[in-house]
């Protein structure tokens, strides 16, 4: 049985995640210190490169899209069928404002991906998950939803921070007691692959280090 303390912790993390992206970082997100530190714009380009062969044809969902930086990059590179979701409605309003100014169409929906991704089965050719996995309390449930909405042989691109094991353990211990902008737990590439394969994904491209302090793994349905 799930203990009351575990339930309370899950509610606490959900509330932290929601508050951070619905209010706290709304006006500072696009200028946050993590963009240059982790070279997030290089990460966006790595997603473009992964999908570039048929970028103008495929349907791409960005989960945890925040203010839409990656979606904007994909659009500028030629993507036509773009979708985004985030747990925080206010941050999606930022995406809508940007898209309107740039005459970009993006289908945006508020959702908790651990509960339901609000599109039909077999909708997407690709899903991007950049710096989002460590926010999930139940990553297996989120991955099941991603598996459901991906088409056969659809690609799942997961990009996450990479830390030495000792650093990762210390960070995770800290996060047990002190939330940081909805962060829940950091994982090794091996662990993410194990969970991904348990819900049916197969590893297409093994984990590789990209940008700064990040790794990328690509899976197929």
N, C-alpha and C. Protein backbone atom coordinates (compact mmCIF):
# COMPACT_ATOMS: atom_id res chain seq x y z
N UNK A 1 0.83 -1.20 0.00
CA UNK A 1 0.00 0.00 0.00
C UNK A 1 0.87 1.26 0.00
N UNK A 2 0.36 2.30 -0.62
CA UNK A 2 1.09 3.56 -0.65
C UNK A 2 0.91 4.28 0.68
N UNK A 3 2.00 4.66 1.31
CA UNK A 3 1.91 5.32 2.60
C UNK A 3 1.38 6.74 2.45
N UNK A 4 0.81 7.25 3.55
CA UNK A 4 0.28 8.62 3.53
C UNK A 4 1.39 9.62 3.24
N UNK A 5 2.60 9.38 3.77
CA UNK A 5 3.71 10.31 3.54
C UNK A 5 4.09 10.36 2.07
N UNK A 6 4.03 9.20 1.38
CA UNK A 6 4.34 9.19 -0.04
C UNK A 6 3.29 9.97 -0.84
N UNK A 7 2.03 9.79 -0.45
CA UNK A 7 0.96 10.54 -1.12
C UNK A 7 1.13 12.03 -0.91
N UNK A 8 1.45 12.41 0.32
CA UNK A 8 1.66 13.83 0.63
C UNK A 8 2.82 14.40 -0.15
N UNK A 9 3.92 13.63 -0.28
CA UNK A 9 5.08 14.09 -1.03
C UNK A 9 4.73 14.29 -2.51
N UNK A 10 3.94 13.38 -3.06
CA UNK A 10 3.54 13.50 -4.46
C UNK A 10 2.71 14.76 -4.68
N UNK A 11 1.79 15.01 -3.77
CA UNK A 11 0.98 16.22 -3.87
C UNK A 11 1.84 17.47 -3.74
N UNK A 12 2.85 17.39 -2.87
CA UNK A 12 3.74 18.52 -2.64
C UNK A 12 4.54 18.83 -3.90
N UNK A 13 5.07 17.79 -4.54
CA UNK A 13 5.85 17.99 -5.75
C UNK A 13 4.99 18.49 -6.90
N UNK A 14 3.79 17.95 -7.02
CA UNK A 14 2.87 18.41 -8.07
C UNK A 14 2.57 19.90 -7.89
N UNK A 15 2.31 20.28 -6.65
CA UNK A 15 1.99 21.68 -6.36
C UNK A 15 3.18 22.58 -6.65
N UNK A 16 4.38 22.12 -6.32
CA UNK A 16 5.60 22.89 -6.57
C UNK A 16 5.81 23.08 -8.07
N UNK A 17 5.64 22.00 -8.81
CA UNK A 17 5.81 22.04 -10.26
C UNK A 17 4.84 23.03 -10.89
N UNK A 18 3.59 22.92 -10.48
CA UNK A 18 2.55 23.79 -11.02
C UNK A 18 2.83 25.26 -10.68
N UNK A 19 3.14 25.53 -9.42
CA UNK A 19 3.38 26.91 -8.99
C UNK A 19 4.57 27.53 -9.70
N UNK A 20 5.62 26.74 -9.87
CA UNK A 20 6.83 27.25 -10.52
C UNK A 20 6.54 27.72 -11.93
N UNK A 21 5.88 26.87 -12.73
CA UNK A 21 5.71 27.17 -14.14
C UNK A 21 4.43 27.93 -14.46
N UNK A 22 3.52 27.99 -13.50
CA UNK A 22 2.31 28.77 -13.72
C UNK A 22 2.44 30.20 -13.19
N UNK A 23 3.47 30.44 -12.39
CA UNK A 23 3.59 31.75 -11.74
C UNK A 23 5.04 32.21 -11.58
N UNK A 24 5.82 31.45 -10.84
CA UNK A 24 7.13 31.90 -10.38
C UNK A 24 8.09 32.30 -11.49
N UNK A 25 8.20 31.50 -12.55
CA UNK A 25 9.22 31.77 -13.58
C UNK A 25 8.63 32.32 -14.88
N UNK A 26 7.37 32.72 -14.86
CA UNK A 26 6.71 33.16 -16.09
C UNK A 26 7.48 34.25 -16.83
N UNK A 27 7.95 35.24 -16.09
CA UNK A 27 8.60 36.40 -16.73
C UNK A 27 10.11 36.28 -16.80
N UNK A 28 10.68 35.22 -16.26
CA UNK A 28 12.14 35.08 -16.24
C UNK A 28 12.63 33.83 -16.97
N UNK A 29 11.71 32.95 -17.33
CA UNK A 29 12.10 31.64 -17.88
C UNK A 29 13.02 31.76 -19.09
N UNK A 30 12.68 32.64 -20.01
CA UNK A 30 13.46 32.75 -21.26
C UNK A 30 14.84 33.36 -21.06
N UNK A 31 15.08 33.91 -19.88
CA UNK A 31 16.39 34.50 -19.59
C UNK A 31 17.08 33.83 -18.40
N UNK A 32 16.62 32.62 -18.07
CA UNK A 32 17.16 31.96 -16.88
C UNK A 32 18.62 31.54 -17.10
N UNK A 33 19.33 31.39 -16.00
CA UNK A 33 20.76 31.09 -16.05
C UNK A 33 21.06 29.73 -16.65
N UNK A 34 20.06 28.81 -16.60
CA UNK A 34 20.30 27.45 -17.10
C UNK A 34 20.46 27.41 -18.61
N UNK A 35 19.93 28.40 -19.33
CA UNK A 35 20.03 28.37 -20.80
C UNK A 35 21.48 28.40 -21.26
N UNK A 36 22.31 29.36 -20.80
CA UNK A 36 23.72 29.31 -21.20
C UNK A 36 24.53 28.22 -20.49
N UNK A 37 24.21 27.94 -19.23
CA UNK A 37 24.99 26.94 -18.49
C UNK A 37 24.88 25.56 -19.15
N UNK A 38 23.67 25.16 -19.46
CA UNK A 38 23.45 23.85 -20.05
C UNK A 38 23.40 23.89 -21.58
N UNK A 39 23.63 25.08 -22.16
CA UNK A 39 23.63 25.25 -23.62
C UNK A 39 22.34 24.70 -24.22
N UNK A 40 21.21 25.18 -23.71
CA UNK A 40 19.92 24.63 -24.10
C UNK A 40 19.59 24.87 -25.57
N UNK A 41 20.13 25.93 -26.15
CA UNK A 41 19.86 26.16 -27.57
C UNK A 41 20.54 25.10 -28.44
N UNK A 42 21.68 24.59 -27.98
CA UNK A 42 22.32 23.48 -28.69
C UNK A 42 21.48 22.22 -28.58
N UNK A 43 20.83 22.06 -27.44
CA UNK A 43 19.95 20.92 -27.24
C UNK A 43 18.79 20.97 -28.23
N UNK A 44 18.21 22.16 -28.39
CA UNK A 44 17.12 22.32 -29.34
C UNK A 44 17.57 21.93 -30.75
N UNK A 45 18.75 22.35 -31.12
CA UNK A 45 19.26 22.03 -32.44
C UNK A 45 19.51 20.53 -32.61
N UNK A 46 19.85 19.85 -31.53
CA UNK A 46 20.07 18.40 -31.61
C UNK A 46 18.76 17.68 -31.88
N UNK A 47 17.64 18.23 -31.37
CA UNK A 47 16.33 17.66 -31.67
C UNK A 47 15.99 17.89 -33.15
N UNK A 48 16.26 19.09 -33.64
CA UNK A 48 16.04 19.39 -35.05
C UNK A 48 16.83 18.43 -35.93
N UNK A 49 18.09 18.22 -35.60
CA UNK A 49 18.94 17.33 -36.39
C UNK A 49 18.41 15.90 -36.38
N UNK A 50 17.86 15.50 -35.25
CA UNK A 50 17.33 14.14 -35.12
C UNK A 50 16.14 13.92 -36.04
N UNK A 51 15.40 14.98 -36.30
CA UNK A 51 14.15 14.86 -37.06
C UNK A 51 14.21 15.49 -38.44
N UNK A 52 15.36 16.00 -38.84
CA UNK A 52 15.44 16.87 -40.01
C UNK A 52 15.08 16.21 -41.33
N UNK A 53 15.22 14.89 -41.44
CA UNK A 53 14.98 14.24 -42.73
C UNK A 53 13.55 14.40 -43.22
N UNK A 54 12.58 14.44 -42.29
CA UNK A 54 11.18 14.61 -42.71
C UNK A 54 10.47 15.60 -41.80
N UNK A 55 11.18 16.64 -41.43
CA UNK A 55 10.69 17.62 -40.46
C UNK A 55 9.39 18.30 -40.89
N UNK A 56 9.23 18.53 -42.18
CA UNK A 56 8.06 19.26 -42.67
C UNK A 56 6.81 18.38 -42.79
N UNK A 57 6.97 17.08 -42.57
CA UNK A 57 5.84 16.15 -42.74
C UNK A 57 5.33 15.57 -41.44
N UNK A 58 6.21 15.36 -40.49
CA UNK A 58 5.84 14.61 -39.29
C UNK A 58 5.12 15.48 -38.26
N UNK A 59 4.38 14.81 -37.38
CA UNK A 59 3.66 15.45 -36.28
C UNK A 59 4.50 15.28 -35.01
N UNK A 60 4.85 16.42 -34.39
CA UNK A 60 5.80 16.44 -33.27
C UNK A 60 5.13 17.01 -32.03
N UNK A 61 5.21 16.27 -30.94
CA UNK A 61 4.69 16.74 -29.66
C UNK A 61 5.85 17.04 -28.72
N UNK A 62 5.87 18.26 -28.17
CA UNK A 62 6.87 18.63 -27.16
C UNK A 62 6.18 18.63 -25.80
N UNK A 63 6.56 17.70 -24.94
CA UNK A 63 5.96 17.58 -23.62
C UNK A 63 6.75 18.43 -22.63
N UNK A 64 6.03 19.19 -21.80
CA UNK A 64 6.69 20.13 -20.90
C UNK A 64 7.32 21.25 -21.68
N UNK A 65 6.54 21.80 -22.62
CA UNK A 65 7.10 22.75 -23.60
C UNK A 65 7.43 24.10 -23.01
N UNK A 66 6.95 24.39 -21.79
CA UNK A 66 7.23 25.67 -21.12
C UNK A 66 6.86 26.83 -22.05
N UNK A 67 7.77 27.77 -22.30
CA UNK A 67 7.44 28.95 -23.11
C UNK A 67 7.61 28.70 -24.62
N UNK A 68 7.90 27.46 -25.00
CA UNK A 68 7.90 27.10 -26.41
C UNK A 68 9.19 27.33 -27.17
N UNK A 69 10.31 27.39 -26.46
CA UNK A 69 11.59 27.65 -27.14
C UNK A 69 11.89 26.58 -28.20
N UNK A 70 11.74 25.30 -27.84
CA UNK A 70 12.01 24.23 -28.79
C UNK A 70 11.00 24.25 -29.94
N UNK A 71 9.74 24.48 -29.65
CA UNK A 71 8.73 24.53 -30.70
C UNK A 71 9.02 25.64 -31.70
N UNK A 72 9.47 26.77 -31.21
CA UNK A 72 9.84 27.87 -32.09
C UNK A 72 11.02 27.48 -32.98
N UNK A 73 12.01 26.82 -32.38
CA UNK A 73 13.18 26.38 -33.14
C UNK A 73 12.79 25.38 -34.22
N UNK A 74 11.90 24.45 -33.88
CA UNK A 74 11.43 23.46 -34.85
C UNK A 74 10.69 24.14 -36.00
N UNK A 75 9.87 25.13 -35.68
CA UNK A 75 9.13 25.84 -36.70
C UNK A 75 10.06 26.57 -37.66
N UNK A 76 11.05 27.24 -37.11
CA UNK A 76 12.01 27.98 -37.94
C UNK A 76 12.81 27.03 -38.84
N UNK A 77 12.96 25.77 -38.39
CA UNK A 77 13.69 24.79 -39.18
C UNK A 77 12.82 24.12 -40.24
N UNK A 78 11.51 24.41 -40.20
CA UNK A 78 10.64 23.89 -41.25
C UNK A 78 9.53 22.96 -40.80
N UNK A 79 9.42 22.70 -39.50
CA UNK A 79 8.34 21.83 -39.01
C UNK A 79 6.99 22.50 -39.21
N UNK A 80 6.00 21.72 -39.63
CA UNK A 80 4.67 22.27 -39.93
C UNK A 80 3.60 21.81 -38.94
N UNK A 81 3.78 20.63 -38.37
CA UNK A 81 2.76 20.04 -37.51
C UNK A 81 3.28 19.94 -36.09
N UNK A 82 3.05 21.02 -35.32
CA UNK A 82 3.63 21.13 -33.99
C UNK A 82 2.56 21.12 -32.90
N UNK A 83 2.88 20.43 -31.81
CA UNK A 83 1.97 20.29 -30.69
C UNK A 83 2.78 20.46 -29.40
N UNK A 84 2.13 21.02 -28.39
CA UNK A 84 2.83 21.20 -27.11
C UNK A 84 1.89 21.02 -25.95
N UNK A 85 2.44 20.56 -24.85
CA UNK A 85 1.65 20.43 -23.64
C UNK A 85 2.49 20.78 -22.43
N UNK A 86 1.82 21.29 -21.41
CA UNK A 86 2.49 21.62 -20.16
C UNK A 86 1.44 21.56 -19.05
N UNK A 87 1.92 21.37 -17.83
CA UNK A 87 1.01 21.28 -16.70
C UNK A 87 0.44 22.64 -16.29
N UNK A 88 1.12 23.71 -16.71
CA UNK A 88 0.78 25.06 -16.26
C UNK A 88 0.11 25.87 -17.36
N UNK A 89 -1.16 26.25 -17.19
CA UNK A 89 -1.86 27.00 -18.25
C UNK A 89 -1.27 28.37 -18.54
N UNK A 90 -0.76 29.06 -17.51
CA UNK A 90 -0.23 30.41 -17.75
C UNK A 90 0.99 30.41 -18.65
N UNK A 91 1.82 29.38 -18.52
CA UNK A 91 3.03 29.35 -19.35
C UNK A 91 2.67 29.02 -20.80
N UNK A 92 1.58 28.28 -21.00
CA UNK A 92 1.13 28.02 -22.36
C UNK A 92 0.58 29.29 -23.02
N UNK A 93 0.07 30.21 -22.21
CA UNK A 93 -0.36 31.50 -22.76
C UNK A 93 0.83 32.25 -23.35
N UNK A 94 2.00 32.09 -22.73
CA UNK A 94 3.22 32.70 -23.28
C UNK A 94 3.52 32.13 -24.67
N UNK A 95 3.35 30.81 -24.80
CA UNK A 95 3.59 30.17 -26.09
C UNK A 95 2.62 30.71 -27.13
N UNK A 96 1.36 30.82 -26.75
CA UNK A 96 0.34 31.33 -27.67
C UNK A 96 0.67 32.74 -28.14
N UNK A 97 1.11 33.58 -27.22
CA UNK A 97 1.46 34.96 -27.58
C UNK A 97 2.62 34.99 -28.58
N UNK A 98 3.64 34.19 -28.31
CA UNK A 98 4.79 34.13 -29.21
C UNK A 98 4.38 33.62 -30.58
N UNK A 99 3.60 32.54 -30.58
CA UNK A 99 3.20 31.92 -31.85
C UNK A 99 2.37 32.89 -32.69
N UNK A 100 1.49 33.64 -32.04
CA UNK A 100 0.64 34.61 -32.75
C UNK A 100 1.48 35.69 -33.40
N UNK A 101 2.47 36.20 -32.65
CA UNK A 101 3.34 37.26 -33.18
C UNK A 101 4.16 36.78 -34.36
N UNK A 102 4.51 35.49 -34.37
CA UNK A 102 5.36 34.94 -35.43
C UNK A 102 4.55 34.18 -36.48
N UNK A 103 3.23 34.24 -36.34
CA UNK A 103 2.35 33.56 -37.29
C UNK A 103 2.66 32.06 -37.39
N UNK A 104 2.85 31.45 -36.23
CA UNK A 104 3.12 30.02 -36.15
C UNK A 104 1.89 29.33 -35.54
N UNK A 105 1.46 28.24 -36.15
CA UNK A 105 0.35 27.48 -35.57
C UNK A 105 0.90 26.33 -34.73
N UNK A 106 0.51 26.30 -33.46
CA UNK A 106 0.87 25.21 -32.56
C UNK A 106 -0.38 24.78 -31.82
N UNK A 107 -0.64 23.49 -31.82
CA UNK A 107 -1.78 22.95 -31.07
C UNK A 107 -1.32 22.73 -29.62
N UNK A 108 -1.84 23.53 -28.70
CA UNK A 108 -1.40 23.51 -27.31
C UNK A 108 -2.52 23.05 -26.39
N UNK A 109 -2.16 22.18 -25.43
CA UNK A 109 -3.14 21.71 -24.46
C UNK A 109 -2.50 21.59 -23.08
N UNK A 110 -3.25 22.01 -22.08
CA UNK A 110 -2.81 21.84 -20.69
C UNK A 110 -3.02 20.38 -20.30
N UNK A 111 -1.99 19.77 -19.69
CA UNK A 111 -2.13 18.37 -19.29
C UNK A 111 -1.06 17.97 -18.30
N UNK A 112 -1.42 17.03 -17.45
CA UNK A 112 -0.47 16.32 -16.61
C UNK A 112 -0.18 15.01 -17.34
N UNK A 113 0.99 14.90 -17.92
CA UNK A 113 1.29 13.76 -18.79
C UNK A 113 1.34 12.43 -18.05
N UNK A 114 1.45 12.47 -16.74
CA UNK A 114 1.42 11.22 -15.97
C UNK A 114 0.01 10.67 -15.88
N UNK A 115 -0.98 11.53 -16.12
CA UNK A 115 -2.38 11.13 -16.01
C UNK A 115 -2.99 10.90 -17.39
N UNK A 116 -2.80 11.87 -18.29
CA UNK A 116 -3.39 11.77 -19.62
C UNK A 116 -2.74 12.77 -20.56
N UNK A 117 -2.32 12.29 -21.71
CA UNK A 117 -1.89 13.16 -22.80
C UNK A 117 -3.10 13.28 -23.72
N UNK A 118 -3.71 14.47 -23.83
CA UNK A 118 -5.04 14.61 -24.44
C UNK A 118 -5.07 14.58 -25.97
N UNK A 119 -4.51 13.55 -26.55
CA UNK A 119 -4.63 13.27 -27.98
C UNK A 119 -4.92 11.79 -28.16
N UNK A 120 -5.38 11.44 -29.31
CA UNK A 120 -5.77 10.06 -29.59
C UNK A 120 -4.56 9.15 -29.74
N UNK A 121 -4.81 7.87 -29.64
CA UNK A 121 -3.77 6.86 -29.86
C UNK A 121 -3.13 7.06 -31.23
N UNK A 122 -1.83 6.80 -31.31
CA UNK A 122 -1.11 6.78 -32.59
C UNK A 122 -1.21 8.10 -33.36
N UNK A 123 -1.08 9.21 -32.64
CA UNK A 123 -1.19 10.53 -33.27
C UNK A 123 0.14 11.05 -33.78
N UNK A 124 1.24 10.80 -33.03
CA UNK A 124 2.49 11.52 -33.29
C UNK A 124 3.58 10.63 -33.89
N UNK A 125 4.40 11.28 -34.73
CA UNK A 125 5.58 10.62 -35.29
C UNK A 125 6.78 10.77 -34.36
N UNK A 126 6.76 11.81 -33.53
CA UNK A 126 7.89 12.07 -32.63
C UNK A 126 7.42 12.81 -31.39
N UNK A 127 8.05 12.50 -30.27
CA UNK A 127 7.82 13.20 -29.01
C UNK A 127 9.16 13.64 -28.46
N UNK A 128 9.25 14.90 -28.07
CA UNK A 128 10.48 15.39 -27.43
C UNK A 128 10.21 15.63 -25.96
N UNK A 129 11.19 15.26 -25.16
CA UNK A 129 11.11 15.39 -23.70
C UNK A 129 12.46 15.92 -23.25
N UNK A 130 12.60 17.24 -23.25
CA UNK A 130 13.90 17.85 -22.98
C UNK A 130 13.91 18.51 -21.60
N UNK A 131 14.68 17.93 -20.70
CA UNK A 131 14.78 18.47 -19.35
C UNK A 131 13.50 18.38 -18.57
N UNK A 132 12.70 17.36 -18.84
CA UNK A 132 11.38 17.22 -18.21
C UNK A 132 11.28 15.95 -17.37
N UNK A 133 11.97 14.91 -17.78
CA UNK A 133 11.84 13.59 -17.14
C UNK A 133 12.03 13.67 -15.63
N UNK A 134 12.97 14.49 -15.17
CA UNK A 134 13.25 14.54 -13.73
C UNK A 134 12.16 15.28 -12.94
N UNK A 135 11.15 15.82 -13.63
CA UNK A 135 10.01 16.42 -12.96
C UNK A 135 8.91 15.39 -12.66
N UNK A 136 8.96 14.25 -13.33
CA UNK A 136 7.91 13.26 -13.15
C UNK A 136 8.03 12.55 -11.81
N UNK A 137 6.89 12.39 -11.14
CA UNK A 137 6.85 11.57 -9.93
C UNK A 137 6.70 10.11 -10.32
N UNK A 138 5.92 9.86 -11.36
CA UNK A 138 5.71 8.50 -11.87
C UNK A 138 6.10 8.45 -13.34
N UNK A 139 7.39 8.41 -13.65
CA UNK A 139 7.81 8.44 -15.05
C UNK A 139 7.28 7.27 -15.87
N UNK A 140 7.06 6.12 -15.23
CA UNK A 140 6.53 4.98 -15.97
C UNK A 140 5.13 5.27 -16.51
N UNK A 141 4.31 5.96 -15.72
CA UNK A 141 2.96 6.31 -16.17
C UNK A 141 3.00 7.31 -17.32
N UNK A 142 3.92 8.28 -17.22
CA UNK A 142 4.07 9.25 -18.31
C UNK A 142 4.54 8.57 -19.59
N UNK A 143 5.47 7.65 -19.45
CA UNK A 143 5.98 6.93 -20.62
C UNK A 143 4.90 6.06 -21.26
N UNK A 144 4.03 5.48 -20.45
CA UNK A 144 2.91 4.71 -21.00
C UNK A 144 2.01 5.58 -21.86
N UNK A 145 1.76 6.81 -21.40
CA UNK A 145 0.95 7.73 -22.18
C UNK A 145 1.66 8.13 -23.47
N UNK A 146 2.96 8.34 -23.40
CA UNK A 146 3.72 8.68 -24.61
C UNK A 146 3.69 7.53 -25.61
N UNK A 147 3.82 6.32 -25.08
CA UNK A 147 3.77 5.13 -25.94
C UNK A 147 2.42 5.05 -26.64
N UNK A 148 1.36 5.36 -25.93
CA UNK A 148 0.01 5.29 -26.48
C UNK A 148 -0.18 6.26 -27.64
N UNK A 149 0.28 7.49 -27.50
CA UNK A 149 0.00 8.51 -28.52
C UNK A 149 1.02 8.51 -29.66
N UNK A 150 2.10 7.75 -29.53
CA UNK A 150 3.07 7.63 -30.63
C UNK A 150 2.60 6.61 -31.66
N UNK A 151 2.90 6.90 -32.92
CA UNK A 151 2.64 5.93 -33.98
C UNK A 151 3.67 4.80 -33.91
N UNK A 152 3.37 3.71 -34.58
CA UNK A 152 4.33 2.61 -34.71
C UNK A 152 5.62 3.13 -35.31
N UNK A 153 6.74 2.79 -34.67
CA UNK A 153 8.07 3.25 -35.07
C UNK A 153 8.27 4.75 -34.85
N UNK A 154 7.36 5.37 -34.10
CA UNK A 154 7.55 6.77 -33.72
C UNK A 154 8.73 6.92 -32.78
N UNK A 155 9.32 8.11 -32.79
CA UNK A 155 10.53 8.35 -32.00
C UNK A 155 10.24 9.14 -30.73
N UNK A 156 10.85 8.71 -29.66
CA UNK A 156 10.82 9.44 -28.39
C UNK A 156 12.24 9.92 -28.10
N UNK A 157 12.42 11.23 -27.99
CA UNK A 157 13.73 11.81 -27.73
C UNK A 157 13.75 12.33 -26.30
N UNK A 158 14.58 11.72 -25.48
CA UNK A 158 14.70 12.14 -24.08
C UNK A 158 16.06 12.78 -23.87
N UNK A 159 16.05 14.01 -23.36
CA UNK A 159 17.29 14.72 -23.04
C UNK A 159 17.21 15.14 -21.57
N UNK A 160 18.26 14.80 -20.82
CA UNK A 160 18.27 15.05 -19.39
C UNK A 160 19.66 15.50 -18.93
N UNK A 161 19.73 16.16 -17.77
CA UNK A 161 21.05 16.50 -17.20
C UNK A 161 21.84 15.24 -16.87
N UNK A 162 23.14 15.30 -17.08
CA UNK A 162 24.01 14.17 -16.70
C UNK A 162 24.91 14.62 -15.56
N UNK A 163 24.90 13.86 -14.49
CA UNK A 163 25.70 14.15 -13.31
C UNK A 163 26.50 12.91 -12.93
N UNK A 164 27.70 13.10 -12.39
CA UNK A 164 28.40 11.95 -11.80
C UNK A 164 27.52 11.33 -10.73
N UNK A 165 27.66 10.04 -10.51
CA UNK A 165 26.74 9.32 -9.62
C UNK A 165 26.68 9.93 -8.22
N UNK A 166 27.80 10.37 -7.69
CA UNK A 166 27.80 10.94 -6.34
C UNK A 166 27.02 12.25 -6.32
N UNK A 167 27.23 13.07 -7.33
CA UNK A 167 26.49 14.34 -7.41
C UNK A 167 25.00 14.07 -7.54
N UNK A 168 24.65 13.10 -8.39
CA UNK A 168 23.24 12.77 -8.58
C UNK A 168 22.60 12.28 -7.27
N UNK A 169 23.31 11.47 -6.53
CA UNK A 169 22.78 10.96 -5.26
C UNK A 169 22.58 12.08 -4.24
N UNK A 170 23.53 13.00 -4.20
CA UNK A 170 23.41 14.13 -3.27
C UNK A 170 22.23 15.01 -3.66
N UNK A 171 22.09 15.29 -4.96
CA UNK A 171 20.97 16.11 -5.43
C UNK A 171 19.63 15.45 -5.10
N UNK A 172 19.55 14.15 -5.32
CA UNK A 172 18.30 13.46 -5.07
C UNK A 172 17.96 13.42 -3.58
N UNK A 173 18.99 13.31 -2.75
CA UNK A 173 18.76 13.36 -1.31
C UNK A 173 18.24 14.74 -0.92
N UNK A 174 18.84 15.76 -1.49
CA UNK A 174 18.40 17.14 -1.22
C UNK A 174 16.94 17.33 -1.63
N UNK A 175 16.59 16.80 -2.82
CA UNK A 175 15.25 16.98 -3.34
C UNK A 175 14.20 16.23 -2.54
N UNK A 176 14.64 15.26 -1.77
CA UNK A 176 13.71 14.55 -0.89
C UNK A 176 13.12 15.49 0.16
N UNK A 177 13.91 16.49 0.53
CA UNK A 177 13.50 17.40 1.60
C UNK A 177 13.20 18.82 1.10
N UNK A 178 13.90 19.23 0.04
CA UNK A 178 13.76 20.61 -0.44
C UNK A 178 13.51 20.59 -1.95
N UNK A 179 12.31 21.00 -2.34
CA UNK A 179 11.98 21.04 -3.76
C UNK A 179 12.69 22.20 -4.43
N UNK A 180 13.07 21.99 -5.67
CA UNK A 180 13.65 23.08 -6.46
C UNK A 180 12.88 23.17 -7.76
N UNK A 181 11.96 24.12 -7.83
CA UNK A 181 11.19 24.38 -9.05
C UNK A 181 10.55 23.11 -9.62
N UNK A 182 10.04 22.29 -8.71
CA UNK A 182 9.32 21.10 -9.14
C UNK A 182 10.20 19.92 -9.51
N UNK A 183 11.52 20.05 -9.38
CA UNK A 183 12.40 18.91 -9.64
C UNK A 183 12.07 17.79 -8.67
N UNK A 184 12.05 16.56 -9.16
CA UNK A 184 11.70 15.44 -8.29
C UNK A 184 12.87 14.48 -8.09
N UNK A 185 13.44 13.96 -9.20
CA UNK A 185 14.54 13.01 -9.08
C UNK A 185 15.29 12.93 -10.40
N UNK A 186 16.62 12.90 -10.31
CA UNK A 186 17.47 12.76 -11.49
C UNK A 186 17.88 11.30 -11.66
N UNK A 187 17.98 10.88 -12.93
CA UNK A 187 18.25 9.48 -13.24
C UNK A 187 19.46 9.34 -14.16
N UNK A 188 20.04 8.16 -14.14
CA UNK A 188 21.10 7.82 -15.08
C UNK A 188 20.47 7.42 -16.41
N UNK A 189 21.22 7.50 -17.51
CA UNK A 189 20.68 7.03 -18.80
C UNK A 189 20.24 5.57 -18.73
N UNK A 190 21.00 4.76 -18.01
CA UNK A 190 20.68 3.33 -17.90
C UNK A 190 19.33 3.12 -17.24
N UNK A 191 19.05 3.89 -16.20
CA UNK A 191 17.78 3.76 -15.49
C UNK A 191 16.62 4.20 -16.37
N UNK A 192 16.79 5.30 -17.09
CA UNK A 192 15.72 5.78 -17.97
C UNK A 192 15.43 4.75 -19.05
N UNK A 193 16.48 4.15 -19.60
CA UNK A 193 16.29 3.12 -20.62
C UNK A 193 15.56 1.91 -20.04
N UNK A 194 15.90 1.53 -18.84
CA UNK A 194 15.24 0.38 -18.21
C UNK A 194 13.74 0.62 -18.05
N UNK A 195 13.38 1.81 -17.59
CA UNK A 195 11.96 2.13 -17.40
C UNK A 195 11.27 2.24 -18.77
N UNK A 196 11.93 2.86 -19.74
CA UNK A 196 11.36 3.01 -21.08
C UNK A 196 11.08 1.65 -21.71
N UNK A 197 12.03 0.75 -21.59
CA UNK A 197 11.85 -0.59 -22.17
C UNK A 197 10.77 -1.38 -21.45
N UNK A 198 10.56 -1.09 -20.17
CA UNK A 198 9.54 -1.82 -19.41
C UNK A 198 8.13 -1.51 -19.88
N UNK A 199 7.95 -0.33 -20.53
CA UNK A 199 6.61 0.01 -21.03
C UNK A 199 6.49 -0.27 -22.53
N UNK A 200 7.55 -0.78 -23.16
CA UNK A 200 7.46 -1.20 -24.55
C UNK A 200 8.38 -0.52 -25.54
N UNK A 201 9.04 0.57 -25.14
CA UNK A 201 9.97 1.23 -26.04
C UNK A 201 11.21 0.38 -26.27
N UNK A 202 11.86 0.60 -27.39
CA UNK A 202 13.15 -0.03 -27.65
C UNK A 202 14.17 1.06 -27.97
N UNK A 203 15.36 0.87 -27.48
CA UNK A 203 16.40 1.88 -27.67
C UNK A 203 16.84 1.91 -29.12
N UNK A 204 16.77 3.08 -29.74
CA UNK A 204 17.18 3.22 -31.14
C UNK A 204 18.60 3.76 -31.23
N UNK A 205 18.88 4.80 -30.42
CA UNK A 205 20.23 5.36 -30.37
C UNK A 205 20.65 5.46 -28.92
N UNK A 206 21.76 4.83 -28.62
CA UNK A 206 22.23 4.80 -27.23
C UNK A 206 22.53 6.19 -26.72
N UNK A 207 22.52 6.33 -25.42
CA UNK A 207 22.76 7.61 -24.78
C UNK A 207 24.09 8.21 -25.23
N UNK A 208 24.05 9.49 -25.55
CA UNK A 208 25.27 10.21 -25.91
C UNK A 208 25.27 11.57 -25.22
N UNK A 209 26.44 12.02 -24.84
CA UNK A 209 26.57 13.32 -24.20
C UNK A 209 26.42 14.41 -25.25
N UNK A 210 25.63 15.42 -24.92
CA UNK A 210 25.44 16.54 -25.84
C UNK A 210 25.52 17.84 -25.06
N UNK A 211 25.71 18.93 -25.79
CA UNK A 211 25.78 20.27 -25.19
C UNK A 211 26.70 20.22 -23.96
N UNK A 212 26.22 20.73 -22.84
CA UNK A 212 27.03 20.74 -21.63
C UNK A 212 26.22 20.12 -20.49
N UNK A 213 26.76 19.07 -19.89
CA UNK A 213 26.12 18.41 -18.75
C UNK A 213 24.77 17.78 -19.11
N UNK A 214 24.58 17.37 -20.36
CA UNK A 214 23.32 16.76 -20.76
C UNK A 214 23.59 15.47 -21.54
N UNK A 215 22.58 14.58 -21.59
CA UNK A 215 22.68 13.41 -22.44
C UNK A 215 21.37 13.24 -23.21
N UNK A 216 21.46 12.56 -24.36
CA UNK A 216 20.28 12.33 -25.20
C UNK A 216 20.20 10.85 -25.54
N UNK A 217 18.99 10.29 -25.42
CA UNK A 217 18.72 8.92 -25.84
C UNK A 217 17.48 8.94 -26.71
N UNK A 218 17.48 8.14 -27.78
CA UNK A 218 16.34 8.06 -28.69
C UNK A 218 15.76 6.66 -28.64
N UNK A 219 14.43 6.60 -28.50
CA UNK A 219 13.73 5.34 -28.42
C UNK A 219 12.71 5.24 -29.55
N UNK A 220 12.35 4.02 -29.91
CA UNK A 220 11.31 3.77 -30.89
C UNK A 220 10.17 2.99 -30.27
N UNK A 221 8.96 3.25 -30.75
CA UNK A 221 7.81 2.45 -30.30
C UNK A 221 7.81 1.13 -31.06
